[in-house]
Amino acid sequence: MNSTFNYLDAFKAHNRADIKNVGKVIFNPLDAGLLYLPSGKLFACDPLVIGASPSFDAEFPQKSCYPVTLSIAQVLDRKMSPRVAYAMVQFTQTQPLKWKLANFLGYDLSSLQEGEFFGYGVDSATGCFIDYEASFLLDDMTYMEEPKSLLDELSDILEDIQSSSVAWANLCIDKHTHANVVAFQTGWGDGVYASFFGYDVENNIACVVTDCQLFDTKKMTWL
């Protein structure tokens, strides 16, 4: 499943689009810091309600960390608070020329019917990027009986920021490997969200973008 939408346009500062049935929207990038991947395996999930899901089925450039950027959308003609439209992990500085639906280990893209996609479920209005092996640490924390677990800390950070801005957090969960979680508010809230790999001219993955389905990309016209 390919996408003709160029997701990078949504990460350009002050970029505007006219969206059918929505109106004019302005997009701005938000630097969410670096993501550390000690195992080299990228995982996207709901960090507050982690289920048994596989990592992305792809090989990424071997570096210790990668920049994460959020695309923040604001509808100009309505009284709507800013929301996260897209979230991106950038692996290289090369420009992606094509976009393909990101696959997961053990999944078969050829099994999808028209309009179907693979994605991850969100039940807490929060998505994230995290190292796959480190995600098991976060999952274990869900059931910890300590007065204050890292999962509680992550939830508190998101709630505090959401009161005044778009909710997001970058929290280290393993001091030995520097593994961290970059979490963010997902679009309108709960749902199932697909991600797309951006491939460069040499067919290498330059970035991965999660589409929070805030808007229908087929109805967007850049101004």
N, C-alpha and C. Protein backbone atom coordinates (compact mmCIF):
# COMPACT_ATOMS: atom_id res chain seq x y z
N MET A 1 0.85 -1.19 0.00
CA MET A 1 0.00 0.00 0.00
C MET A 1 0.88 1.24 0.00
N ASN A 2 0.83 2.00 -1.07
CA ASN A 2 1.62 3.22 -1.19
C ASN A 2 0.75 4.44 -0.87
N SER A 3 1.41 5.54 -0.54
CA SER A 3 0.70 6.80 -0.31
C SER A 3 1.28 7.86 -1.22
N THR A 4 0.42 8.60 -1.88
CA THR A 4 0.87 9.69 -2.76
C THR A 4 1.06 10.99 -1.98
N PHE A 5 0.68 10.98 -0.73
CA PHE A 5 0.81 12.17 0.12
C PHE A 5 2.25 12.31 0.59
N ASN A 6 2.82 13.50 0.45
CA ASN A 6 4.18 13.76 0.92
C ASN A 6 4.11 14.27 2.37
N TYR A 7 4.36 13.38 3.31
CA TYR A 7 4.21 13.72 4.72
C TYR A 7 5.18 14.81 5.18
N LEU A 8 6.30 14.95 4.49
CA LEU A 8 7.27 15.97 4.90
C LEU A 8 6.69 17.37 4.84
N ASP A 9 5.71 17.60 3.96
CA ASP A 9 5.10 18.92 3.84
C ASP A 9 4.46 19.35 5.16
N ALA A 10 3.99 18.39 5.94
CA ALA A 10 3.33 18.70 7.20
C ALA A 10 4.32 19.06 8.30
N PHE A 11 5.61 18.90 8.02
CA PHE A 11 6.64 19.21 9.01
C PHE A 11 7.38 20.50 8.68
N LYS A 12 6.89 21.24 7.69
CA LYS A 12 7.49 22.52 7.34
C LYS A 12 6.84 23.63 8.18
N ALA A 13 7.65 24.51 8.71
CA ALA A 13 7.15 25.57 9.58
C ALA A 13 6.17 26.48 8.87
N HIS A 14 5.05 26.73 9.52
CA HIS A 14 4.01 27.65 9.04
C HIS A 14 3.41 27.23 7.69
N ASN A 15 3.48 25.96 7.38
CA ASN A 15 2.89 25.49 6.12
C ASN A 15 1.37 25.40 6.28
N ARG A 16 0.66 25.87 5.26
CA ARG A 16 -0.80 25.93 5.34
C ARG A 16 -1.45 25.04 4.29
N ALA A 17 -2.60 24.52 4.67
CA ALA A 17 -3.36 23.67 3.75
C ALA A 17 -4.83 24.01 3.86
N ASP A 18 -5.53 23.81 2.77
CA ASP A 18 -6.99 23.96 2.75
C ASP A 18 -7.55 22.54 2.71
N ILE A 19 -8.35 22.19 3.71
CA ILE A 19 -8.87 20.84 3.82
C ILE A 19 -10.39 20.87 3.69
N LYS A 20 -10.90 20.09 2.75
CA LYS A 20 -12.33 20.06 2.48
C LYS A 20 -13.10 19.69 3.74
N ASN A 21 -14.16 20.45 4.02
CA ASN A 21 -15.05 20.26 5.17
C ASN A 21 -14.38 20.61 6.51
N VAL A 22 -13.16 21.11 6.46
CA VAL A 22 -12.45 21.51 7.68
C VAL A 22 -12.10 23.00 7.65
N GLY A 23 -11.49 23.43 6.55
CA GLY A 23 -11.05 24.82 6.42
C GLY A 23 -9.55 24.91 6.32
N LYS A 24 -9.03 26.08 6.60
CA LYS A 24 -7.59 26.31 6.51
C LYS A 24 -6.90 25.85 7.79
N VAL A 25 -5.80 25.15 7.60
CA VAL A 25 -5.04 24.58 8.72
C VAL A 25 -3.58 24.97 8.58
N ILE A 26 -2.96 25.34 9.69
CA ILE A 26 -1.53 25.65 9.68
C ILE A 26 -0.78 24.55 10.43
N PHE A 27 0.34 24.13 9.87
CA PHE A 27 1.15 23.06 10.46
C PHE A 27 2.50 23.63 10.90
N ASN A 28 2.97 23.16 12.04
CA ASN A 28 4.28 23.56 12.54
C ASN A 28 4.98 22.37 13.18
N PRO A 29 6.30 22.26 12.99
CA PRO A 29 7.04 21.15 13.60
C PRO A 29 7.36 21.42 15.06
N LEU A 30 7.38 20.36 15.85
CA LEU A 30 7.76 20.44 17.26
C LEU A 30 8.88 19.42 17.49
N ASP A 31 10.02 19.90 17.94
CA ASP A 31 11.16 19.03 18.21
C ASP A 31 10.91 18.25 19.50
N ALA A 32 10.78 16.93 19.38
CA ALA A 32 10.51 16.09 20.55
C ALA A 32 11.77 15.41 21.09
N GLY A 33 12.93 15.83 20.60
CA GLY A 33 14.18 15.28 21.11
C GLY A 33 14.64 14.05 20.36
N LEU A 34 15.55 13.31 20.97
CA LEU A 34 16.14 12.14 20.33
C LEU A 34 15.52 10.86 20.87
N LEU A 35 15.45 9.85 20.00
CA LEU A 35 14.98 8.52 20.38
C LEU A 35 16.16 7.56 20.32
N TYR A 36 16.41 6.86 21.43
CA TYR A 36 17.50 5.89 21.49
C TYR A 36 16.96 4.49 21.21
N LEU A 37 17.65 3.78 20.33
CA LEU A 37 17.24 2.42 19.95
C LEU A 37 18.40 1.46 20.18
N PRO A 38 18.63 1.02 21.42
CA PRO A 38 19.74 0.12 21.72
C PRO A 38 19.69 -1.18 20.93
N SER A 39 18.49 -1.72 20.71
CA SER A 39 18.36 -2.99 20.00
C SER A 39 18.30 -2.81 18.49
N GLY A 40 18.10 -1.55 18.05
CA GLY A 40 17.96 -1.29 16.63
C GLY A 40 16.58 -1.60 16.08
N LYS A 41 15.64 -1.99 16.96
CA LYS A 41 14.29 -2.33 16.54
C LYS A 41 13.32 -1.25 17.00
N LEU A 42 12.60 -0.69 16.06
CA LEU A 42 11.66 0.38 16.38
C LEU A 42 10.27 -0.18 16.64
N PHE A 43 9.62 0.36 17.67
CA PHE A 43 8.29 -0.08 18.06
C PHE A 43 7.41 1.15 18.21
N ALA A 44 6.18 1.06 17.72
CA ALA A 44 5.19 2.13 17.89
C ALA A 44 3.97 1.53 18.57
N CYS A 45 3.46 2.21 19.59
CA CYS A 45 2.37 1.62 20.36
C CYS A 45 1.72 2.68 21.24
N ASP A 46 0.70 2.26 21.99
CA ASP A 46 0.13 3.07 23.06
C ASP A 46 0.97 2.77 24.29
N PRO A 47 1.77 3.72 24.78
CA PRO A 47 2.68 3.43 25.90
C PRO A 47 1.98 3.19 27.23
N LEU A 48 0.73 3.62 27.34
CA LEU A 48 0.00 3.46 28.59
C LEU A 48 -0.85 2.20 28.61
N VAL A 49 -1.05 1.60 27.43
CA VAL A 49 -1.84 0.35 27.32
C VAL A 49 -1.13 -0.54 26.31
N ILE A 50 0.02 -1.08 26.68
CA ILE A 50 0.82 -1.86 25.74
C ILE A 50 0.24 -3.26 25.58
N GLY A 51 0.05 -3.67 24.33
CA GLY A 51 -0.41 -5.02 24.03
C GLY A 51 0.70 -5.82 23.38
N ALA A 52 0.40 -7.05 23.02
CA ALA A 52 1.38 -7.92 22.37
C ALA A 52 1.43 -7.62 20.88
N SER A 53 2.32 -6.73 20.49
CA SER A 53 2.45 -6.34 19.09
C SER A 53 3.90 -6.48 18.66
N PRO A 54 4.14 -6.75 17.38
CA PRO A 54 5.51 -6.89 16.87
C PRO A 54 6.13 -5.54 16.52
N SER A 55 7.43 -5.55 16.31
CA SER A 55 8.13 -4.35 15.88
C SER A 55 7.97 -4.18 14.38
N PHE A 56 8.42 -3.05 13.86
CA PHE A 56 8.38 -2.83 12.42
C PHE A 56 9.29 -3.84 11.72
N ASP A 57 8.86 -4.30 10.56
CA ASP A 57 9.64 -5.24 9.77
C ASP A 57 10.52 -4.46 8.81
N ALA A 58 11.65 -3.96 9.32
CA ALA A 58 12.54 -3.14 8.50
C ALA A 58 13.89 -3.02 9.17
N GLU A 59 14.91 -2.74 8.37
CA GLU A 59 16.24 -2.48 8.88
C GLU A 59 16.51 -0.98 8.78
N PHE A 60 16.99 -0.41 9.89
CA PHE A 60 17.24 1.01 9.92
C PHE A 60 18.74 1.27 10.01
N PRO A 61 19.19 2.44 9.58
CA PRO A 61 20.61 2.78 9.68
C PRO A 61 21.09 2.65 11.12
N GLN A 62 22.27 2.06 11.30
CA GLN A 62 22.78 1.79 12.63
C GLN A 62 23.39 3.04 13.26
N LYS A 63 22.59 3.70 14.05
CA LYS A 63 23.05 4.84 14.85
C LYS A 63 22.48 4.67 16.24
N SER A 64 23.02 5.41 17.19
CA SER A 64 22.55 5.25 18.56
C SER A 64 21.22 5.95 18.82
N CYS A 65 20.98 7.04 18.11
CA CYS A 65 19.75 7.78 18.36
C CYS A 65 19.30 8.53 17.11
N TYR A 66 18.01 8.90 17.12
CA TYR A 66 17.41 9.53 15.95
C TYR A 66 16.48 10.66 16.40
N PRO A 67 16.43 11.76 15.65
CA PRO A 67 15.53 12.86 16.02
C PRO A 67 14.06 12.51 15.77
N VAL A 68 13.22 12.96 16.67
CA VAL A 68 11.77 12.78 16.55
C VAL A 68 11.12 14.15 16.44
N THR A 69 10.22 14.29 15.49
CA THR A 69 9.53 15.56 15.28
C THR A 69 8.03 15.31 15.21
N LEU A 70 7.27 16.19 15.84
CA LEU A 70 5.81 16.12 15.78
C LEU A 70 5.30 17.23 14.86
N SER A 71 4.28 16.92 14.08
CA SER A 71 3.62 17.93 13.25
C SER A 71 2.37 18.38 13.98
N ILE A 72 2.37 19.65 14.39
CA ILE A 72 1.25 20.20 15.17
C ILE A 72 0.33 20.99 14.25
N ALA A 73 -0.93 20.63 14.24
CA ALA A 73 -1.91 21.26 13.36
C ALA A 73 -2.86 22.15 14.15
N GLN A 74 -3.18 23.30 13.57
CA GLN A 74 -4.13 24.24 14.16
C GLN A 74 -5.11 24.68 13.10
N VAL A 75 -6.40 24.39 13.31
CA VAL A 75 -7.44 24.84 12.38
C VAL A 75 -7.67 26.32 12.62
N LEU A 76 -7.52 27.14 11.57
CA LEU A 76 -7.57 28.59 11.73
C LEU A 76 -8.98 29.14 11.87
N ASP A 77 -9.95 28.49 11.25
CA ASP A 77 -11.30 29.02 11.23
C ASP A 77 -12.19 28.48 12.34
N ARG A 78 -11.62 27.69 13.23
CA ARG A 78 -12.41 27.11 14.31
C ARG A 78 -11.66 27.26 15.63
N LYS A 79 -12.41 27.22 16.72
CA LYS A 79 -11.80 27.28 18.04
C LYS A 79 -11.42 25.86 18.47
N MET A 80 -10.37 25.34 17.87
CA MET A 80 -9.89 24.00 18.16
C MET A 80 -8.46 24.09 18.67
N SER A 81 -8.18 23.41 19.76
CA SER A 81 -6.83 23.43 20.30
C SER A 81 -5.88 22.71 19.35
N PRO A 82 -4.60 23.09 19.35
CA PRO A 82 -3.62 22.41 18.48
C PRO A 82 -3.56 20.92 18.80
N ARG A 83 -3.34 20.13 17.78
CA ARG A 83 -3.27 18.68 17.95
C ARG A 83 -2.14 18.10 17.12
N VAL A 84 -1.69 16.91 17.53
CA VAL A 84 -0.65 16.21 16.77
C VAL A 84 -1.28 15.55 15.56
N ALA A 85 -0.81 15.94 14.39
CA ALA A 85 -1.32 15.35 13.15
C ALA A 85 -0.45 14.18 12.70
N TYR A 86 0.88 14.35 12.86
CA TYR A 86 1.82 13.32 12.43
C TYR A 86 3.01 13.31 13.38
N ALA A 87 3.66 12.15 13.47
CA ALA A 87 4.87 12.01 14.28
C ALA A 87 5.92 11.29 13.44
N MET A 88 7.16 11.80 13.46
CA MET A 88 8.19 11.26 12.57
C MET A 88 9.49 10.95 13.31
N VAL A 89 10.06 9.79 12.97
CA VAL A 89 11.43 9.46 13.37
C VAL A 89 12.28 9.57 12.11
N GLN A 90 13.32 10.38 12.17
CA GLN A 90 14.17 10.61 11.00
C GLN A 90 15.46 9.81 11.13
N PHE A 91 15.71 8.92 10.16
CA PHE A 91 16.88 8.05 10.21
C PHE A 91 18.07 8.62 9.45
N THR A 92 17.81 9.34 8.37
CA THR A 92 18.88 9.93 7.57
C THR A 92 18.48 11.35 7.16
N GLN A 93 19.41 12.06 6.55
CA GLN A 93 19.14 13.42 6.07
C GLN A 93 18.64 13.42 4.63
N THR A 94 18.55 12.25 4.02
CA THR A 94 18.10 12.17 2.63
C THR A 94 16.59 12.37 2.54
N GLN A 95 16.14 12.86 1.40
CA GLN A 95 14.72 13.14 1.19
C GLN A 95 13.98 11.90 0.69
N PRO A 96 12.88 11.55 1.32
CA PRO A 96 12.09 10.43 0.81
C PRO A 96 11.38 10.80 -0.48
N LEU A 97 11.39 9.88 -1.44
CA LEU A 97 10.75 10.11 -2.73
C LEU A 97 9.44 9.34 -2.85
N LYS A 98 9.26 8.33 -2.01
CA LYS A 98 8.02 7.56 -2.05
C LYS A 98 7.69 7.08 -0.64
N TRP A 99 6.41 6.82 -0.44
CA TRP A 99 5.91 6.42 0.88
C TRP A 99 5.16 5.11 0.77
N LYS A 100 5.48 4.18 1.67
CA LYS A 100 4.81 2.88 1.70
C LYS A 100 4.34 2.58 3.11
N LEU A 101 3.21 1.89 3.19
CA LEU A 101 2.68 1.49 4.49
C LEU A 101 3.72 0.66 5.24
N ALA A 102 3.99 1.02 6.47
CA ALA A 102 4.96 0.30 7.28
C ALA A 102 4.40 -1.06 7.68
N ASN A 103 5.21 -2.08 7.50
CA ASN A 103 4.79 -3.43 7.84
C ASN A 103 5.37 -3.85 9.19
N PHE A 104 4.73 -4.84 9.81
CA PHE A 104 5.19 -5.37 11.08
C PHE A 104 5.67 -6.80 10.90
N LEU A 105 6.58 -7.24 11.75
CA LEU A 105 7.09 -8.60 11.67
C LEU A 105 5.95 -9.60 11.77
N GLY A 106 5.92 -10.54 10.82
CA GLY A 106 4.88 -11.57 10.83
C GLY A 106 3.61 -11.19 10.10
N TYR A 107 3.54 -9.96 9.60
CA TYR A 107 2.35 -9.50 8.88
C TYR A 107 2.60 -9.58 7.37
N ASP A 108 1.53 -9.73 6.62
CA ASP A 108 1.63 -9.85 5.16
C ASP A 108 0.82 -8.73 4.51
N LEU A 109 1.52 -7.76 3.93
CA LEU A 109 0.83 -6.63 3.31
C LEU A 109 -0.07 -7.06 2.16
N SER A 110 0.29 -8.16 1.49
CA SER A 110 -0.51 -8.61 0.35
C SER A 110 -1.88 -9.13 0.76
N SER A 111 -2.06 -9.37 2.06
CA SER A 111 -3.36 -9.86 2.55
C SER A 111 -4.38 -8.75 2.74
N LEU A 112 -3.93 -7.51 2.65
CA LEU A 112 -4.83 -6.37 2.87
C LEU A 112 -5.76 -6.15 1.69
N GLN A 113 -7.00 -5.84 1.99
CA GLN A 113 -7.98 -5.48 0.97
C GLN A 113 -7.96 -3.96 0.77
N GLU A 114 -8.63 -3.50 -0.26
CA GLU A 114 -8.70 -2.07 -0.54
C GLU A 114 -9.23 -1.30 0.67
N GLY A 115 -8.49 -0.29 1.09
CA GLY A 115 -8.91 0.52 2.23
C GLY A 115 -8.44 0.01 3.58
N GLU A 116 -7.85 -1.19 3.62
CA GLU A 116 -7.36 -1.75 4.88
C GLU A 116 -5.90 -1.36 5.11
N PHE A 117 -5.48 -1.41 6.37
CA PHE A 117 -4.09 -1.10 6.69
C PHE A 117 -3.71 -1.77 8.00
N PHE A 118 -2.42 -1.91 8.22
CA PHE A 118 -1.90 -2.36 9.50
C PHE A 118 -1.53 -1.14 10.33
N GLY A 119 -1.83 -1.18 11.61
CA GLY A 119 -1.49 -0.08 12.49
C GLY A 119 -1.49 -0.55 13.93
N TYR A 120 -1.36 0.37 14.86
CA TYR A 120 -1.41 -0.01 16.27
C TYR A 120 -2.59 0.68 16.95
N GLY A 121 -3.19 -0.05 17.89
CA GLY A 121 -4.36 0.47 18.58
C GLY A 121 -4.00 1.41 19.71
N VAL A 122 -4.81 2.44 19.89
CA VAL A 122 -4.62 3.42 20.96
C VAL A 122 -5.90 3.50 21.78
N ASP A 123 -5.76 3.30 23.10
CA ASP A 123 -6.91 3.36 24.00
C ASP A 123 -6.76 4.43 25.07
N SER A 124 -5.63 5.15 25.06
CA SER A 124 -5.41 6.20 26.06
C SER A 124 -5.15 7.55 25.41
N ALA A 125 -5.51 7.66 24.11
CA ALA A 125 -5.28 8.89 23.34
C ALA A 125 -3.81 9.25 23.25
N THR A 126 -2.94 8.23 23.38
CA THR A 126 -1.50 8.46 23.38
C THR A 126 -0.78 7.41 22.54
N GLY A 127 0.12 7.87 21.68
CA GLY A 127 0.97 6.96 20.91
C GLY A 127 2.42 7.22 21.28
N CYS A 128 3.32 6.40 20.75
CA CYS A 128 4.73 6.62 21.07
C CYS A 128 5.64 5.90 20.09
N PHE A 129 6.91 6.29 20.13
CA PHE A 129 8.01 5.55 19.53
C PHE A 129 8.90 5.10 20.66
N ILE A 130 9.39 3.86 20.56
CA ILE A 130 10.22 3.30 21.62
C ILE A 130 11.03 2.14 21.06
N ASP A 131 12.16 1.83 21.68
CA ASP A 131 12.92 0.65 21.31
C ASP A 131 12.09 -0.59 21.65
N TYR A 132 12.10 -1.58 20.74
CA TYR A 132 11.23 -2.74 20.94
C TYR A 132 11.56 -3.48 22.23
N GLU A 133 12.84 -3.73 22.49
CA GLU A 133 13.22 -4.45 23.71
C GLU A 133 12.87 -3.63 24.95
N ALA A 134 13.06 -2.33 24.87
CA ALA A 134 12.76 -1.47 26.02
C ALA A 134 11.27 -1.42 26.31
N SER A 135 10.45 -1.68 25.30
CA SER A 135 8.99 -1.63 25.51
C SER A 135 8.53 -2.66 26.52
N PHE A 136 9.28 -3.76 26.67
CA PHE A 136 8.91 -4.77 27.65
C PHE A 136 9.09 -4.23 29.07
N LEU A 137 10.07 -3.35 29.25
CA LEU A 137 10.25 -2.71 30.55
C LEU A 137 9.04 -1.85 30.88
N LEU A 138 8.58 -1.11 29.89
CA LEU A 138 7.42 -0.24 30.10
C LEU A 138 6.18 -1.07 30.38
N ASP A 139 6.06 -2.20 29.69
CA ASP A 139 4.91 -3.09 29.90
C ASP A 139 4.93 -3.66 31.31
N ASP A 140 6.11 -4.05 31.80
CA ASP A 140 6.21 -4.57 33.16
C ASP A 140 5.81 -3.53 34.19
N MET A 141 6.09 -2.26 33.88
CA MET A 141 5.78 -1.19 34.82
C MET A 141 4.28 -1.00 35.00
N THR A 142 3.51 -1.48 34.03
CA THR A 142 2.06 -1.33 34.11
C THR A 142 1.51 -1.99 35.37
N TYR A 143 2.17 -3.06 35.78
CA TYR A 143 1.64 -3.85 36.90
C TYR A 143 2.47 -3.71 38.17
N MET A 144 3.40 -2.77 38.18
CA MET A 144 4.21 -2.55 39.37
C MET A 144 3.37 -1.95 40.49
N GLU A 145 3.69 -2.32 41.71
CA GLU A 145 2.94 -1.83 42.87
C GLU A 145 3.73 -0.77 43.64
N GLU A 146 4.81 -0.27 43.03
CA GLU A 146 5.57 0.78 43.68
C GLU A 146 4.75 2.06 43.73
N PRO A 147 5.02 2.92 44.70
CA PRO A 147 4.25 4.17 44.83
C PRO A 147 4.28 5.02 43.57
N LYS A 148 5.42 5.01 42.86
CA LYS A 148 5.56 5.86 41.68
C LYS A 148 6.41 5.14 40.65
N SER A 149 5.79 4.54 39.66
CA SER A 149 6.53 3.86 38.60
C SER A 149 6.83 4.85 37.48
N LEU A 150 7.70 4.45 36.55
CA LEU A 150 7.99 5.31 35.41
C LEU A 150 6.75 5.51 34.55
N LEU A 151 5.88 4.51 34.52
CA LEU A 151 4.65 4.64 33.76
C LEU A 151 3.77 5.74 34.36
N ASP A 152 3.72 5.79 35.70
CA ASP A 152 2.98 6.86 36.37
C ASP A 152 3.60 8.22 36.05
N GLU A 153 4.94 8.25 36.03
CA GLU A 153 5.64 9.50 35.74
C GLU A 153 5.33 9.98 34.33
N LEU A 154 5.32 9.04 33.38
CA LEU A 154 5.00 9.39 32.00
C LEU A 154 3.59 9.94 31.90
N SER A 155 2.65 9.29 32.56
CA SER A 155 1.26 9.74 32.53
C SER A 155 1.12 11.13 33.14
N ASP A 156 1.84 11.38 34.24
CA ASP A 156 1.78 12.69 34.90
C ASP A 156 2.33 13.79 33.99
N ILE A 157 3.44 13.50 33.30
CA ILE A 157 4.04 14.49 32.40
C ILE A 157 3.07 14.85 31.29
N LEU A 158 2.44 13.84 30.72
CA LEU A 158 1.49 14.08 29.63
C LEU A 158 0.31 14.92 30.10
N GLU A 159 -0.19 14.63 31.30
CA GLU A 159 -1.33 15.37 31.83
C GLU A 159 -0.96 16.82 32.12
N ASP A 160 0.23 17.03 32.68
CA ASP A 160 0.67 18.39 33.02
C ASP A 160 0.82 19.24 31.77
N ILE A 161 1.44 18.68 30.73
CA ILE A 161 1.66 19.44 29.50
C ILE A 161 0.36 19.69 28.76
N GLN A 162 -0.55 18.71 28.79
CA GLN A 162 -1.80 18.84 28.05
C GLN A 162 -2.65 19.98 28.57
N SER A 163 -2.47 20.35 29.83
CA SER A 163 -3.27 21.43 30.41
C SER A 163 -2.97 22.78 29.77
N SER A 164 -1.79 22.90 29.15
CA SER A 164 -1.42 24.19 28.57
C SER A 164 -0.99 24.11 27.11
N SER A 165 -0.78 22.90 26.59
CA SER A 165 -0.29 22.75 25.23
C SER A 165 -0.60 21.36 24.72
N VAL A 166 0.02 21.00 23.59
CA VAL A 166 -0.10 19.66 23.05
C VAL A 166 0.66 18.70 23.95
N ALA A 167 0.04 17.59 24.32
CA ALA A 167 0.67 16.65 25.24
C ALA A 167 1.72 15.81 24.53
N TRP A 168 2.95 15.84 25.06
CA TRP A 168 4.01 14.96 24.58
C TRP A 168 5.05 14.84 25.68
N ALA A 169 5.89 13.82 25.58
CA ALA A 169 6.91 13.61 26.60
C ALA A 169 8.06 12.79 26.02
N ASN A 170 9.26 13.04 26.53
CA ASN A 170 10.45 12.27 26.18
C ASN A 170 11.07 11.82 27.49
N LEU A 171 10.93 10.54 27.81
CA LEU A 171 11.30 10.04 29.13
C LEU A 171 12.25 8.85 29.02
N CYS A 172 13.38 8.92 29.71
CA CYS A 172 14.32 7.80 29.75
C CYS A 172 13.76 6.71 30.66
N ILE A 173 13.78 5.46 30.19
CA ILE A 173 13.25 4.36 30.99
C ILE A 173 14.32 3.34 31.35
N ASP A 174 15.53 3.51 30.81
CA ASP A 174 16.63 2.60 31.13
C ASP A 174 17.93 3.41 31.11
N LYS A 175 18.44 3.72 32.29
CA LYS A 175 19.63 4.56 32.40
C LYS A 175 20.89 3.87 31.87
N HIS A 176 20.89 2.55 31.82
CA HIS A 176 22.07 1.82 31.36
C HIS A 176 22.21 1.87 29.84
N THR A 177 21.10 1.75 29.13
CA THR A 177 21.15 1.76 27.66
C THR A 177 20.71 3.09 27.06
N HIS A 178 20.18 3.98 27.92
CA HIS A 178 19.64 5.28 27.50
C HIS A 178 18.32 5.13 26.72
N ALA A 179 17.76 3.94 26.72
CA ALA A 179 16.49 3.73 26.02
C ALA A 179 15.42 4.65 26.61
N ASN A 180 14.64 5.24 25.73
CA ASN A 180 13.62 6.19 26.17
C ASN A 180 12.33 5.97 25.39
N VAL A 181 11.31 6.67 25.80
CA VAL A 181 10.03 6.64 25.09
C VAL A 181 9.67 8.08 24.72
N VAL A 182 9.30 8.28 23.47
CA VAL A 182 8.79 9.58 23.02
C VAL A 182 7.30 9.40 22.78
N ALA A 183 6.51 9.96 23.68
CA ALA A 183 5.06 9.78 23.65
C ALA A 183 4.37 11.07 23.23
N PHE A 184 3.18 10.93 22.64
CA PHE A 184 2.48 12.11 22.14
C PHE A 184 0.98 11.84 22.05
N GLN A 185 0.23 12.91 22.18
CA GLN A 185 -1.23 12.88 22.00
C GLN A 185 -1.54 12.50 20.55
N THR A 186 -2.48 11.59 20.35
CA THR A 186 -2.78 11.13 18.99
C THR A 186 -4.06 11.76 18.44
N GLY A 187 -3.90 12.66 17.49
CA GLY A 187 -5.02 13.22 16.75
C GLY A 187 -6.22 13.57 17.60
N TRP A 188 -7.34 12.88 17.30
CA TRP A 188 -8.58 13.12 18.04
C TRP A 188 -8.67 12.24 19.29
N GLY A 189 -7.72 11.31 19.45
CA GLY A 189 -7.74 10.45 20.63
C GLY A 189 -7.53 8.99 20.29
N ASP A 190 -8.45 8.14 20.73
CA ASP A 190 -8.32 6.70 20.52
C ASP A 190 -8.55 6.33 19.06
N GLY A 191 -7.99 5.19 18.67
CA GLY A 191 -8.17 4.72 17.30
C GLY A 191 -7.09 3.73 16.93
N VAL A 192 -6.97 3.47 15.64
CA VAL A 192 -5.90 2.62 15.11
C VAL A 192 -5.13 3.45 14.10
N TYR A 193 -3.82 3.54 14.30
CA TYR A 193 -3.02 4.47 13.51
C TYR A 193 -1.93 3.75 12.71
N ALA A 194 -1.90 4.07 11.43
CA ALA A 194 -0.91 3.48 10.52
C ALA A 194 0.34 4.33 10.48
N SER A 195 1.44 3.71 10.10
CA SER A 195 2.70 4.41 9.90
C SER A 195 3.19 4.15 8.48
N PHE A 196 4.00 5.07 7.98
CA PHE A 196 4.50 4.96 6.61
C PHE A 196 6.01 5.15 6.59
N PHE A 197 6.68 4.30 5.81
CA PHE A 197 8.12 4.44 5.60
C PHE A 197 8.35 5.37 4.42
N GLY A 198 9.28 6.31 4.59
CA GLY A 198 9.68 7.18 3.50
C GLY A 198 10.99 6.67 2.91
N TYR A 199 10.98 6.30 1.63
CA TYR A 199 12.15 5.72 0.96
C TYR A 199 12.86 6.77 0.11
N ASP A 200 14.20 6.77 0.19
CA ASP A 200 14.98 7.72 -0.60
C ASP A 200 15.30 7.17 -1.98
N VAL A 201 16.13 7.88 -2.73
CA VAL A 201 16.44 7.51 -4.11
C VAL A 201 17.14 6.16 -4.20
N GLU A 202 17.83 5.74 -3.14
CA GLU A 202 18.51 4.45 -3.13
C GLU A 202 17.67 3.36 -2.48
N ASN A 203 16.38 3.66 -2.28
CA ASN A 203 15.42 2.72 -1.72
C ASN A 203 15.73 2.35 -0.26
N ASN A 204 16.39 3.25 0.44
CA ASN A 204 16.63 3.08 1.86
C ASN A 204 15.58 3.88 2.64
N ILE A 205 15.25 3.40 3.83
CA ILE A 205 14.26 4.09 4.65
C ILE A 205 14.90 5.33 5.28
N ALA A 206 14.39 6.49 4.91
CA ALA A 206 14.90 7.75 5.44
C ALA A 206 14.18 8.16 6.71
N CYS A 207 12.91 7.77 6.83
CA CYS A 207 12.12 8.15 8.00
C CYS A 207 10.88 7.28 8.10
N VAL A 208 10.24 7.33 9.24
CA VAL A 208 8.94 6.69 9.42
C VAL A 208 8.00 7.72 10.03
N VAL A 209 6.78 7.78 9.51
CA VAL A 209 5.79 8.76 9.98
C VAL A 209 4.52 8.04 10.39
N THR A 210 4.05 8.33 11.60
CA THR A 210 2.75 7.83 12.04
C THR A 210 1.70 8.88 11.72
N ASP A 211 0.66 8.45 11.03
CA ASP A 211 -0.45 9.33 10.67
C ASP A 211 -1.52 9.21 11.74
N CYS A 212 -1.74 10.28 12.50
CA CYS A 212 -2.71 10.26 13.59
C CYS A 212 -4.14 10.49 13.11
N GLN A 213 -4.33 10.47 11.80
CA GLN A 213 -5.65 10.54 11.17
C GLN A 213 -6.48 11.74 11.65
N LEU A 214 -5.79 12.83 11.83
CA LEU A 214 -6.50 14.06 12.19
C LEU A 214 -7.30 14.57 11.01
N PHE A 215 -6.72 14.39 9.80
CA PHE A 215 -7.38 14.85 8.58
C PHE A 215 -7.26 13.77 7.49
N ASP A 216 -8.16 13.86 6.52
CA ASP A 216 -8.10 13.00 5.35
C ASP A 216 -7.11 13.62 4.36
N THR A 217 -5.98 12.96 4.15
CA THR A 217 -4.95 13.54 3.29
C THR A 217 -5.43 13.71 1.85
N LYS A 218 -6.42 12.95 1.43
CA LYS A 218 -6.93 13.06 0.06
C LYS A 218 -7.73 14.35 -0.14
N LYS A 219 -8.10 14.99 0.96
CA LYS A 219 -8.89 16.22 0.87
C LYS A 219 -8.04 17.47 1.14
N MET A 220 -6.72 17.29 1.21
CA MET A 220 -5.83 18.40 1.54
C MET A 220 -5.20 19.02 0.30
N THR A 221 -5.19 20.34 0.25
CA THR A 221 -4.50 21.09 -0.80
C THR A 221 -3.57 22.09 -0.14
N TRP A 222 -2.27 21.99 -0.43
CA TRP A 222 -1.32 22.91 0.18
C TRP A 222 -1.41 24.29 -0.47
N LEU A 223 -1.34 25.32 0.34
CA LEU A 223 -1.49 26.70 -0.14
C LEU A 223 -0.13 27.36 -0.37
